[in-house]
């Protein structure tokens, strides 16, 4: 069973989401939240991650964080403006970096999942794909209700992949 939802982040930003549950769930069951930089539908296709998890008895909430999927900016014709550039710059100008806003979105998804599934949720897991990886690392560090955080096609570690190897260190500065 699949339902389309709109979750509101703490600042009121609408987060499109898909909620999947098996027709019959046991009294206690795991809940998995999926954050995918390609959009919520990327893992929801036939034979995808969502189907696999539902067959294993999970309730699954797949969410478009701001700037992903349905909320992504349209492509720019300006060559140096790629992907999240505009949203990132606006976030910096208002003192709310995009990574922090997306982390808030992930925590809003957690609050929503916890409210919907309540005491029936035996555990809550977080899976992040691509650009959503750093968001999941922050959300997992900020809220201990996540039993596990799994990253796919993303950075492996904030410390090892970002802090230890800043982009400027890889650039040729002459």
Protein backbone atom coordinates (compact mmCIF):
# COMPACT_ATOMS: atom_id res chain seq x y z
CA UNK A 1 0.00 0.00 0.00
CA UNK A 2 1.38 3.42 -0.98
CA UNK A 3 0.21 6.86 0.09
CA UNK A 4 1.40 10.27 -1.06
CA UNK A 5 2.05 12.69 1.76
CA UNK A 6 3.34 16.21 2.27
CA UNK A 7 5.36 16.62 5.46
CA UNK A 8 6.05 20.13 6.77
CA UNK A 9 9.56 20.91 7.91
CA UNK A 10 9.97 22.99 11.07
CA UNK A 11 10.14 26.16 8.94
CA UNK A 12 6.99 25.19 7.02
CA UNK A 13 8.73 24.01 3.84
CA UNK A 14 6.64 21.26 2.14
CA UNK A 15 8.41 17.91 1.75
CA UNK A 16 6.73 15.53 -0.71
CA UNK A 17 6.85 11.96 0.57
CA UNK A 18 5.74 8.44 -0.30
CA UNK A 19 4.68 6.12 2.53
CA UNK A 20 4.71 2.37 1.94
CA UNK A 21 3.40 -0.39 4.20
CA UNK A 22 2.60 -4.04 3.70
CA UNK A 23 -1.09 -4.94 3.91
CA UNK A 24 -0.45 -6.74 7.18
CA UNK A 25 2.20 -5.71 9.66
CA UNK A 26 3.10 -7.40 12.94
CA UNK A 27 2.50 -5.56 16.21
CA UNK A 28 6.12 -4.34 16.20
CA UNK A 29 7.93 -3.59 12.94
CA UNK A 30 10.92 -1.58 11.70
CA UNK A 31 10.47 1.78 9.99
CA UNK A 32 12.93 2.97 7.34
CA UNK A 33 13.25 6.52 6.09
CA UNK A 34 14.87 6.90 2.67
CA UNK A 35 16.47 10.17 1.55
CA UNK A 36 17.66 10.08 -2.05
CA UNK A 37 19.45 12.92 -3.81
CA UNK A 38 17.83 11.79 -7.08
CA UNK A 39 14.36 12.15 -5.56
CA UNK A 40 11.97 9.95 -3.60
CA UNK A 41 10.77 7.98 -6.63
CA UNK A 42 14.27 6.72 -7.54
CA UNK A 43 14.17 3.82 -5.09
CA UNK A 44 10.40 3.27 -5.31
CA UNK A 45 10.26 1.51 -8.68
CA UNK A 46 9.50 -2.18 -9.19
CA UNK A 47 12.25 -4.35 -7.73
CA UNK A 48 13.81 -1.35 -5.97
CA UNK A 49 14.91 -0.69 -2.42
CA UNK A 50 11.42 0.20 -1.18
CA UNK A 51 9.87 -3.02 -2.48
CA UNK A 52 12.65 -5.07 -0.89
CA UNK A 53 12.18 -3.39 2.49
CA UNK A 54 8.38 -3.70 2.45
CA UNK A 55 8.73 -7.42 1.67
CA UNK A 56 10.98 -7.67 4.75
CA UNK A 57 8.21 -6.15 6.88
CA UNK A 58 9.36 -2.52 7.07
CA UNK A 59 7.16 0.53 6.85
CA UNK A 60 9.03 2.87 4.47
CA UNK A 61 8.91 6.65 4.19
CA UNK A 62 10.71 8.05 1.13
CA UNK A 63 11.08 11.83 1.32
CA UNK A 64 12.16 14.60 -1.07
CA UNK A 65 14.32 16.95 0.97
CA UNK A 66 14.35 20.56 -0.23
CA UNK A 67 16.13 20.74 -3.56
CA UNK A 68 15.67 17.04 -4.36
CA UNK A 69 13.05 15.41 -6.59
CA UNK A 70 9.86 17.45 -6.82
CA UNK A 71 11.42 20.40 -5.00
CA UNK A 72 14.55 20.64 -7.20
CA UNK A 73 15.35 23.90 -8.96
CA UNK A 74 14.90 23.85 -12.73
CA UNK A 75 18.21 23.55 -14.60
CA UNK A 76 20.01 26.83 -15.24
CA UNK A 77 21.35 27.93 -18.61
CA UNK A 78 24.20 29.73 -16.85
CA UNK A 79 27.25 27.50 -17.09
CA UNK A 80 28.65 28.23 -13.61
CA UNK A 81 25.30 27.77 -11.83
CA UNK A 82 24.85 24.04 -11.32
CA UNK A 83 22.50 22.04 -9.12
CA UNK A 84 22.14 23.53 -5.66
CA UNK A 85 24.10 26.72 -6.29
CA UNK A 86 21.14 29.13 -6.15
CA UNK A 87 19.56 27.50 -3.08
CA UNK A 88 22.94 27.31 -1.35
CA UNK A 89 23.65 30.98 -1.96
CA UNK A 90 20.21 32.03 -0.67
CA UNK A 91 20.75 29.85 2.39
CA UNK A 92 24.10 31.49 3.10
CA UNK A 93 22.62 34.97 2.65
CA UNK A 94 19.88 34.31 5.20
CA UNK A 95 22.25 32.59 7.63
CA UNK A 96 20.72 29.12 7.17
CA UNK A 97 23.08 26.90 5.14
CA UNK A 98 21.37 24.41 2.84
CA UNK A 99 22.91 21.40 4.61
CA UNK A 100 21.41 22.58 7.90
CA UNK A 101 18.00 23.16 6.29
CA UNK A 102 18.05 19.67 4.78
CA UNK A 103 19.09 18.18 8.10
CA UNK A 104 16.05 19.88 9.63
CA UNK A 105 13.96 18.31 6.86
CA UNK A 106 15.32 14.85 7.71
CA UNK A 107 14.50 15.38 11.37
CA UNK A 108 10.98 16.51 10.41
CA UNK A 109 10.60 13.22 8.49
CA UNK A 110 11.74 11.37 11.61
CA UNK A 111 9.19 13.23 13.76
CA UNK A 112 6.46 12.43 11.26
CA UNK A 113 7.39 8.73 11.08
CA UNK A 114 7.58 8.50 14.86
CA UNK A 115 4.17 10.17 15.22
CA UNK A 116 2.51 7.93 12.62
CA UNK A 117 4.00 4.62 13.74
CA UNK A 118 4.39 5.45 17.43
CA UNK A 119 5.04 2.51 19.73
CA UNK A 120 4.56 0.04 16.86
CA UNK A 121 7.94 1.02 15.44
CA UNK A 122 10.51 -1.42 16.83
CA UNK A 123 13.37 0.58 15.27
CA UNK A 124 13.83 3.50 12.89
CA UNK A 125 16.52 3.27 10.21
CA UNK A 126 17.81 5.95 7.85
CA UNK A 127 19.08 5.25 4.33
CA UNK A 128 20.61 8.06 2.28
CA UNK A 129 21.68 7.96 -1.36
CA UNK A 130 24.05 10.34 -3.15
CA UNK A 131 23.83 13.97 -2.10
CA UNK A 132 21.64 13.06 0.86
CA UNK A 133 24.57 11.30 2.56
CA UNK A 134 25.94 14.30 4.48
CA UNK A 135 22.39 15.17 5.56
CA UNK A 136 21.93 11.68 7.01
CA UNK A 137 25.26 11.85 8.85
CA UNK A 138 24.17 15.08 10.55
CA UNK A 139 20.64 13.85 11.30
CA UNK A 140 22.00 10.60 12.74
CA UNK A 141 24.43 12.51 14.96
CA UNK A 142 21.69 14.83 16.20
CA UNK A 143 18.98 12.28 17.00
CA UNK A 144 19.61 8.97 18.74
CA UNK A 145 16.25 7.53 17.65
CA UNK A 146 17.89 6.39 14.41
CA UNK A 147 18.92 2.78 15.02
CA UNK A 148 21.20 2.89 11.97
CA UNK A 149 22.34 5.24 9.21
CA UNK A 150 23.28 3.70 5.86
CA UNK A 151 24.92 5.68 3.05
CA UNK A 152 24.94 4.59 -0.59
CA UNK A 153 26.88 6.21 -3.45
CA UNK A 154 27.92 8.98 -1.08
CA UNK A 155 30.74 10.01 1.16
CA UNK A 156 31.79 7.35 3.65
CA UNK A 157 32.68 9.63 6.53
CA UNK A 158 32.39 13.34 7.18
CA UNK A 159 35.80 13.39 8.88
CA UNK A 160 37.65 11.14 6.39
CA UNK A 161 36.09 12.43 3.15
CA UNK A 162 35.43 16.11 3.87
CA UNK A 163 37.47 17.41 6.80
CA UNK A 164 40.65 15.46 6.00
CA UNK A 165 40.47 16.15 2.24
CA UNK A 166 39.04 19.61 1.65
CA UNK A 167 38.44 20.49 -1.99
CA UNK A 168 41.06 23.24 -1.87
CA UNK A 169 43.67 20.58 -1.04
CA UNK A 170 42.90 18.76 -4.30
CA UNK A 171 42.91 21.90 -6.40
CA UNK A 172 46.03 23.07 -8.10
CA UNK A 173 46.81 26.50 -6.66
CA UNK A 174 49.60 28.29 -8.56
